């Protein structure tokens, strides 16, 4: 669902090369009609659509089909918008400009996730996480998280036992396809460790990044 036909064609070709079958819509009204008329595994939705704004399309689709996976793609970078889209039911938010390799990787990752609405909690060991509500239960203790903390913990939980590189975390949690040379990942991990306590172990993997260990 993208009004720029050149971008739509490039993304379609990349996804088709990855084995997906792709349909396209170039305005909000057509996007909504197609989304509600057919059964799609996943929707890629731009927000700046003519005819009907993408946020309205997202709201209407999730209202009619609560289990629909939607990845929002937008050049609008405000954190408030990202939060609003995730709260509305989007499973991911990809910032423009993006690398095609990263976008297709995000699609593959979200396709492996449980269907939204089917099981809202991500579970690993004694930790349960609801990303949409930015809420974790650690051994039944409630922990309120920021958006970044929830996204970071969700990424680590879904790859529990695996080492996650800083570049991987920057791409998935902050939408950055490059390393800005800051310690933003390390700072967020420290905050997350402080909130979760000893019951949830986020280990440092030397020269790589971090790993969530579920007991």
C-alpha atoms as a PDB file:
ATOM      1  CA  UNK A   1       0.000   0.000   0.000  1.00  0.00           C
ATOM      2  CA  UNK A   2       2.218   2.760  -1.378  1.00  0.00           C
ATOM      3  CA  UNK A   3       1.383   5.792  -3.508  1.00  0.00           C
ATOM      4  CA  UNK A   4       4.883   6.018  -5.043  1.00  0.00           C
ATOM      5  CA  UNK A   5       4.664   3.486  -7.887  1.00  0.00           C
ATOM      6  CA  UNK A   6       8.456   3.220  -8.231  1.00  0.00           C
ATOM      7  CA  UNK A   7       8.876   2.265  -4.571  1.00  0.00           C
ATOM      8  CA  UNK A   8       5.905  -0.111  -4.813  1.00  0.00           C
ATOM      9  CA  UNK A   9       7.464  -1.894  -7.784  1.00  0.00           C
ATOM     10  CA  UNK A  10      10.886  -2.172  -6.123  1.00  0.00           C
ATOM     11  CA  UNK A  11       9.427  -3.578  -2.909  1.00  0.00           C
ATOM     12  CA  UNK A  12       7.159  -5.952  -4.832  1.00  0.00           C
ATOM     13  CA  UNK A  13      10.056  -7.341  -6.861  1.00  0.00           C
ATOM     14  CA  UNK A  14      12.166  -7.813  -3.734  1.00  0.00           C
ATOM     15  CA  UNK A  15       9.365  -9.677  -1.941  1.00  0.00           C
ATOM     16  CA  UNK A  16       8.535 -11.786  -4.985  1.00  0.00           C
ATOM     17  CA  UNK A  17      12.207 -12.741  -5.268  1.00  0.00           C
ATOM     18  CA  UNK A  18      11.916 -13.867  -1.633  1.00  0.00           C
ATOM     19  CA  UNK A  19       9.022 -16.174  -2.530  1.00  0.00           C
ATOM     20  CA  UNK A  20       6.021 -13.996  -1.599  1.00  0.00           C
ATOM     21  CA  UNK A  21       2.959 -13.313  -3.721  1.00  0.00           C
ATOM     22  CA  UNK A  22       2.287  -9.555  -3.772  1.00  0.00           C
ATOM     23  CA  UNK A  23      -0.686  -7.299  -4.571  1.00  0.00           C
ATOM     24  CA  UNK A  24      -0.406  -3.512  -4.687  1.00  0.00           C
ATOM     25  CA  UNK A  25      -2.654  -0.542  -3.930  1.00  0.00           C
ATOM     26  CA  UNK A  26      -1.751   3.100  -4.579  1.00  0.00           C
ATOM     27  CA  UNK A  27      -4.347   4.994  -2.548  1.00  0.00           C
ATOM     28  CA  UNK A  28      -6.044   4.628   0.814  1.00  0.00           C
ATOM     29  CA  UNK A  29      -9.518   3.747  -0.468  1.00  0.00           C
ATOM     30  CA  UNK A  30      -8.232   0.935  -2.693  1.00  0.00           C
ATOM     31  CA  UNK A  31      -5.911  -0.231   0.084  1.00  0.00           C
ATOM     32  CA  UNK A  32      -8.785  -0.568   2.546  1.00  0.00           C
ATOM     33  CA  UNK A  33     -11.052  -2.286   0.024  1.00  0.00           C
ATOM     34  CA  UNK A  34      -8.413  -4.842  -0.967  1.00  0.00           C
ATOM     35  CA  UNK A  35      -7.348  -5.489   2.637  1.00  0.00           C
ATOM     36  CA  UNK A  36     -10.925  -6.266   3.691  1.00  0.00           C
ATOM     37  CA  UNK A  37     -11.823  -8.211   0.547  1.00  0.00           C
ATOM     38  CA  UNK A  38      -8.906 -10.670   0.567  1.00  0.00           C
ATOM     39  CA  UNK A  39      -6.975 -12.704   3.118  1.00  0.00           C
ATOM     40  CA  UNK A  40      -3.382 -11.480   3.352  1.00  0.00           C
ATOM     41  CA  UNK A  41      -0.684 -12.862   5.625  1.00  0.00           C
ATOM     42  CA  UNK A  42       0.766  -9.363   6.018  1.00  0.00           C
ATOM     43  CA  UNK A  43       0.169  -5.789   4.872  1.00  0.00           C
ATOM     44  CA  UNK A  44       2.859  -3.169   4.189  1.00  0.00           C
ATOM     45  CA  UNK A  45       1.142   0.173   4.748  1.00  0.00           C
ATOM     46  CA  UNK A  46       2.473   3.633   3.930  1.00  0.00           C
ATOM     47  CA  UNK A  47       0.846   6.411   5.977  1.00  0.00           C
ATOM     48  CA  UNK A  48       0.849   9.222   3.403  1.00  0.00           C
ATOM     49  CA  UNK A  49      -1.787   7.829   1.042  1.00  0.00           C
ATOM     50  CA  UNK A  50      -4.200   9.863  -1.119  1.00  0.00           C
ATOM     51  CA  UNK A  51      -7.912   9.331  -0.682  1.00  0.00           C
ATOM     52  CA  UNK A  52      -7.659   7.991   2.868  1.00  0.00           C
ATOM     53  CA  UNK A  53      -4.820   8.479   5.346  1.00  0.00           C
ATOM     54  CA  UNK A  54      -2.855   5.357   6.250  1.00  0.00           C
ATOM     55  CA  UNK A  55      -3.628   5.757   9.947  1.00  0.00           C
ATOM     56  CA  UNK A  56      -7.332   5.529   9.130  1.00  0.00           C
ATOM     57  CA  UNK A  57      -6.710   2.485   6.935  1.00  0.00           C
ATOM     58  CA  UNK A  58      -4.809   0.852   9.809  1.00  0.00           C
ATOM     59  CA  UNK A  59      -7.586   1.580  12.299  1.00  0.00           C
ATOM     60  CA  UNK A  60     -10.334   0.267  10.003  1.00  0.00           C
ATOM     61  CA  UNK A  61      -8.407  -2.886   9.063  1.00  0.00           C
ATOM     62  CA  UNK A  62      -7.586  -3.801  12.672  1.00  0.00           C
ATOM     63  CA  UNK A  63     -11.176  -3.082  13.721  1.00  0.00           C
ATOM     64  CA  UNK A  64     -12.520  -5.449  11.059  1.00  0.00           C
ATOM     65  CA  UNK A  65      -9.705  -8.007  11.230  1.00  0.00           C
ATOM     66  CA  UNK A  66      -7.994  -7.957  14.648  1.00  0.00           C
ATOM     67  CA  UNK A  67      -5.578 -10.720  13.644  1.00  0.00           C
ATOM     68  CA  UNK A  68      -4.198  -8.941  10.574  1.00  0.00           C
ATOM     69  CA  UNK A  69      -0.425  -8.362  10.587  1.00  0.00           C
ATOM     70  CA  UNK A  70       0.396  -4.803   9.439  1.00  0.00           C
ATOM     71  CA  UNK A  71       3.854  -3.269   9.058  1.00  0.00           C
ATOM     72  CA  UNK A  72       3.682   0.511   8.812  1.00  0.00           C
ATOM     73  CA  UNK A  73       6.230   2.159   6.502  1.00  0.00           C
ATOM     74  CA  UNK A  74       6.629   5.918   6.776  1.00  0.00           C
ATOM     75  CA  UNK A  75       9.028   8.835   6.367  1.00  0.00           C
ATOM     76  CA  UNK A  76       7.429  10.472   9.434  1.00  0.00           C
ATOM     77  CA  UNK A  77       9.866   9.844  12.286  1.00  0.00           C
ATOM     78  CA  UNK A  78       8.032  11.178  15.365  1.00  0.00           C
ATOM     79  CA  UNK A  79       8.078   8.707  18.245  1.00  0.00           C
ATOM     80  CA  UNK A  80       4.482   9.640  19.073  1.00  0.00           C
ATOM     81  CA  UNK A  81       3.334   8.421  15.656  1.00  0.00           C
ATOM     82  CA  UNK A  82       5.258   5.164  16.015  1.00  0.00           C
ATOM     83  CA  UNK A  83       3.651   4.614  19.429  1.00  0.00           C
ATOM     84  CA  UNK A  84       0.183   5.409  18.048  1.00  0.00           C
ATOM     85  CA  UNK A  85       0.569   2.940  15.175  1.00  0.00           C
ATOM     86  CA  UNK A  86       1.836   0.163  17.448  1.00  0.00           C
ATOM     87  CA  UNK A  87      -0.952   0.863  19.938  1.00  0.00           C
ATOM     88  CA  UNK A  88      -3.464   0.742  17.071  1.00  0.00           C
ATOM     89  CA  UNK A  89      -2.349  -2.790  16.222  1.00  0.00           C
ATOM     90  CA  UNK A  90       0.606  -2.546  13.820  1.00  0.00           C
ATOM     91  CA  UNK A  91       3.187  -5.280  14.406  1.00  0.00           C
ATOM     92  CA  UNK A  92       6.146  -3.159  13.266  1.00  0.00           C
ATOM     93  CA  UNK A  93       7.148   0.307  12.052  1.00  0.00           C
ATOM     94  CA  UNK A  94       9.802   0.790   9.355  1.00  0.00           C
ATOM     95  CA  UNK A  95      11.200   4.256   8.677  1.00  0.00           C
ATOM     96  CA  UNK A  96      11.851   5.633   5.192  1.00  0.00           C
ATOM     97  CA  UNK A  97      14.302   5.581   3.579  1.00  0.00           C
ATOM     98  CA  UNK A  98      14.892   1.884   4.162  1.00  0.00           C
ATOM     99  CA  UNK A  99      17.168  -0.804   2.766  1.00  0.00           C
ATOM    100  CA  UNK A 100      15.261  -3.442   0.812  1.00  0.00           C
ATOM    101  CA  UNK A 101      17.239  -6.208   2.523  1.00  0.00           C
ATOM    102  CA  UNK A 102      16.169  -4.897   5.935  1.00  0.00           C
ATOM    103  CA  UNK A 103      12.525  -4.520   4.902  1.00  0.00           C
ATOM    104  CA  UNK A 104      12.311  -8.071   3.555  1.00  0.00           C
ATOM    105  CA  UNK A 105      14.015  -9.324   6.730  1.00  0.00           C
ATOM    106  CA  UNK A 106      11.400  -7.501   8.824  1.00  0.00           C
ATOM    107  CA  UNK A 107       8.648  -9.124   6.746  1.00  0.00           C
ATOM    108  CA  UNK A 108      10.130 -12.589   7.296  1.00  0.00           C
ATOM    109  CA  UNK A 109      10.500 -11.912  11.031  1.00  0.00           C
ATOM    110  CA  UNK A 110       6.936 -10.677  11.474  1.00  0.00           C
ATOM    111  CA  UNK A 111       5.626 -13.663   9.501  1.00  0.00           C
ATOM    112  CA  UNK A 112       7.247 -15.917  12.097  1.00  0.00           C
ATOM    113  CA  UNK A 113       5.518 -14.080  14.946  1.00  0.00           C
ATOM    114  CA  UNK A 114       2.238 -15.348  16.431  1.00  0.00           C
ATOM    115  CA  UNK A 115      -0.838 -13.846  14.802  1.00  0.00           C
ATOM    116  CA  UNK A 116      -1.788 -10.607  16.638  1.00  0.00           C
ATOM    117  CA  UNK A 117      -4.762 -11.103  18.890  1.00  0.00           C
ATOM    118  CA  UNK A 118      -4.124 -14.830  19.112  1.00  0.00           C
ATOM    119  CA  UNK A 119      -1.555 -14.615  21.920  1.00  0.00           C
ATOM    120  CA  UNK A 120      -0.725 -11.090  23.098  1.00  0.00           C
ATOM    121  CA  UNK A 121       1.984 -12.235  25.516  1.00  0.00           C
ATOM    122  CA  UNK A 122       5.539 -13.131  24.604  1.00  0.00           C
ATOM    123  CA  UNK A 123       6.814 -15.604  27.189  1.00  0.00           C
ATOM    124  CA  UNK A 124      10.333 -16.693  28.132  1.00  0.00           C
ATOM    125  CA  UNK A 125      11.076 -18.275  31.492  1.00  0.00           C
ATOM    126  CA  UNK A 126       9.527 -16.184  34.262  1.00  0.00           C
ATOM    127  CA  UNK A 127       9.029 -13.167  32.004  1.00  0.00           C
ATOM    128  CA  UNK A 128       5.844 -12.325  30.089  1.00  0.00           C
ATOM    129  CA  UNK A 129       5.698  -9.286  27.815  1.00  0.00           C
ATOM    130  CA  UNK A 130       2.827  -7.417  26.178  1.00  0.00           C
ATOM    131  CA  UNK A 131       4.542  -5.074  23.702  1.00  0.00           C
ATOM    132  CA  UNK A 132       1.382  -3.146  22.814  1.00  0.00           C
ATOM    133  CA  UNK A 133       0.705  -2.310  26.456  1.00  0.00           C
ATOM    134  CA  UNK A 134       4.454  -1.873  27.173  1.00  0.00           C
ATOM    135  CA  UNK A 135       3.957  -4.138  30.168  1.00  0.00           C
ATOM    136  CA  UNK A 136       6.098  -6.994  31.504  1.00  0.00           C
ATOM    137  CA  UNK A 137       5.285  -9.492  34.227  1.00  0.00           C
ATOM    138  CA  UNK A 138       8.443 -10.747  35.922  1.00  0.00           C
ATOM    139  CA  UNK A 139       7.609 -13.631  38.269  1.00  0.00           C
ATOM    140  CA  UNK A 140       4.108 -12.046  38.461  1.00  0.00           C
ATOM    141  CA  UNK A 141       5.585  -8.613  39.352  1.00  0.00           C
ATOM    142  CA  UNK A 142       4.276  -5.822  37.091  1.00  0.00           C
ATOM    143  CA  UNK A 143       6.939  -3.784  35.280  1.00  0.00           C
ATOM    144  CA  UNK A 144       5.961  -0.767  33.158  1.00  0.00           C
ATOM    145  CA  UNK A 145       8.272  -0.144  30.208  1.00  0.00           C
ATOM    146  CA  UNK A 146       8.967   2.629  27.743  1.00  0.00           C
ATOM    147  CA  UNK A 147       8.330   1.953  24.049  1.00  0.00           C
ATOM    148  CA  UNK A 148      12.021   1.300  23.322  1.00  0.00           C
ATOM    149  CA  UNK A 149      12.398  -0.936  26.367  1.00  0.00           C
ATOM    150  CA  UNK A 150       9.359  -2.982  25.328  1.00  0.00           C
ATOM    151  CA  UNK A 151      10.551  -3.320  21.727  1.00  0.00           C
ATOM    152  CA  UNK A 152      14.064  -4.242  22.879  1.00  0.00           C
ATOM    153  CA  UNK A 153      12.821  -6.842  25.355  1.00  0.00           C
ATOM    154  CA  UNK A 154      10.453  -8.252  22.732  1.00  0.00           C
ATOM    155  CA  UNK A 155      13.301  -8.674  20.258  1.00  0.00           C
ATOM    156  CA  UNK A 156      15.476 -10.405  22.859  1.00  0.00           C
ATOM    157  CA  UNK A 157      12.681 -12.676  24.095  1.00  0.00           C
ATOM    158  CA  UNK A 158      11.807 -13.808  20.583  1.00  0.00           C
ATOM    159  CA  UNK A 159      15.447 -14.789  20.133  1.00  0.00           C
ATOM    160  CA  UNK A 160      15.959 -16.131  23.663  1.00  0.00           C
ATOM    161  CA  UNK A 161      19.271 -17.958  23.968  1.00  0.00           C
ATOM    162  CA  UNK A 162      20.640 -16.327  20.805  1.00  0.00           C
ATOM    163  CA  UNK A 163      23.198 -13.536  20.644  1.00  0.00           C
ATOM    164  CA  UNK A 164      21.698 -10.366  19.148  1.00  0.00           C
ATOM    165  CA  UNK A 165      24.157  -7.877  17.683  1.00  0.00           C
ATOM    166  CA  UNK A 166      23.942  -4.149  18.370  1.00  0.00           C
ATOM    167  CA  UNK A 167      23.374  -3.469  14.659  1.00  0.00           C
ATOM    168  CA  UNK A 168      20.459  -5.941  14.659  1.00  0.00           C
ATOM    169  CA  UNK A 169      18.943  -4.236  17.700  1.00  0.00           C
ATOM    170  CA  UNK A 170      19.444  -0.771  16.227  1.00  0.00           C
ATOM    171  CA  UNK A 171      17.603  -1.860  13.074  1.00  0.00           C
ATOM    172  CA  UNK A 172      14.684  -3.582  14.787  1.00  0.00           C
ATOM    173  CA  UNK A 173      14.157  -1.310  17.803  1.00  0.00           C
ATOM    174  CA  UNK A 174      15.317   2.117  16.594  1.00  0.00           C
ATOM    175  CA  UNK A 175      14.757   1.697  12.846  1.00  0.00           C
ATOM    176  CA  UNK A 176      18.378   2.600  12.094  1.00  0.00           C
ATOM    177  CA  UNK A 177      20.231   0.887   9.251  1.00  0.00           C
ATOM    178  CA  UNK A 178      23.547   2.351  10.454  1.00  0.00           C
ATOM    179  CA  UNK A 179      25.407   2.704  13.742  1.00  0.00           C
ATOM    180  CA  UNK A 180      25.200   6.352  14.874  1.00  0.00           C
ATOM    181  CA  UNK A 181      28.282   5.812  17.037  1.00  0.00           C
ATOM    182  CA  UNK A 182      26.358   6.242  20.292  1.00  0.00           C
ATOM    183  CA  UNK A 183      25.738   3.848  23.164  1.00  0.00           C
ATOM    184  CA  UNK A 184      21.940   4.038  22.848  1.00  0.00           C
ATOM    185  CA  UNK A 185      21.572   0.236  22.911  1.00  0.00           C
ATOM    186  CA  UNK A 186      23.767  -0.166  26.000  1.00  0.00           C
ATOM    187  CA  UNK A 187      21.913   2.589  27.874  1.00  0.00           C
ATOM    188  CA  UNK A 188      18.538   1.009  27.103  1.00  0.00           C
ATOM    189  CA  UNK A 189      19.795  -2.426  28.191  1.00  0.00           C
ATOM    190  CA  UNK A 190      20.996  -0.968  31.515  1.00  0.00           C
ATOM    191  CA  UNK A 191      17.579   0.599  32.136  1.00  0.00           C
ATOM    192  CA  UNK A 192      15.874  -2.655  31.209  1.00  0.00           C
ATOM    193  CA  UNK A 193      18.076  -4.690  33.558  1.00  0.00           C
ATOM    194  CA  UNK A 194      17.333  -2.286  36.392  1.00  0.00           C
ATOM    195  CA  UNK A 195      13.586  -2.657  35.893  1.00  0.00           C
ATOM    196  CA  UNK A 196      13.500  -6.421  35.371  1.00  0.00           C
ATOM    197  CA  UNK A 197      15.805  -7.377  38.238  1.00  0.00           C
ATOM    198  CA  UNK A 198      17.589 -10.672  38.778  1.00  0.00           C
ATOM    199  CA  UNK A 199      14.644 -12.805  37.624  1.00  0.00           C
ATOM    200  CA  UNK A 200      15.303 -11.818  34.010  1.00  0.00           C
ATOM    201  CA  UNK A 201      18.816 -12.169  32.659  1.00  0.00           C
ATOM    202  CA  UNK A 202      20.023 -10.044  29.754  1.00  0.00           C
ATOM    203  CA  UNK A 203      23.608 -11.169  29.260  1.00  0.00           C
ATOM    204  CA  UNK A 204      26.361  -9.253  27.511  1.00  0.00           C
ATOM    205  CA  UNK A 205      27.925 -11.211  24.646  1.00  0.00           C
ATOM    206  CA  UNK A 206      31.430  -9.848  24.226  1.00  0.00           C
ATOM    207  CA  UNK A 207      32.144  -8.168  20.884  1.00  0.00           C
ATOM    208  CA  UNK A 208      28.614  -8.990  19.688  1.00  0.00           C
ATOM    209  CA  UNK A 209      25.746  -7.564  21.742  1.00  0.00           C
ATOM    210  CA  UNK A 210      23.232  -9.110  24.125  1.00  0.00           C
ATOM    211  CA  UNK A 211      21.346 -12.328  24.802  1.00  0.00           C
ATOM    212  CA  UNK A 212      18.204 -13.045  26.822  1.00  0.00           C
ATOM    213  CA  UNK A 213      18.565 -16.141  28.997  1.00  0.00           C
ATOM    214  CA  UNK A 214      15.364 -17.858  30.125  1.00  0.00           C
ATOM    215  CA  UNK A 215      15.764 -20.208  33.093  1.00  0.00           C
END
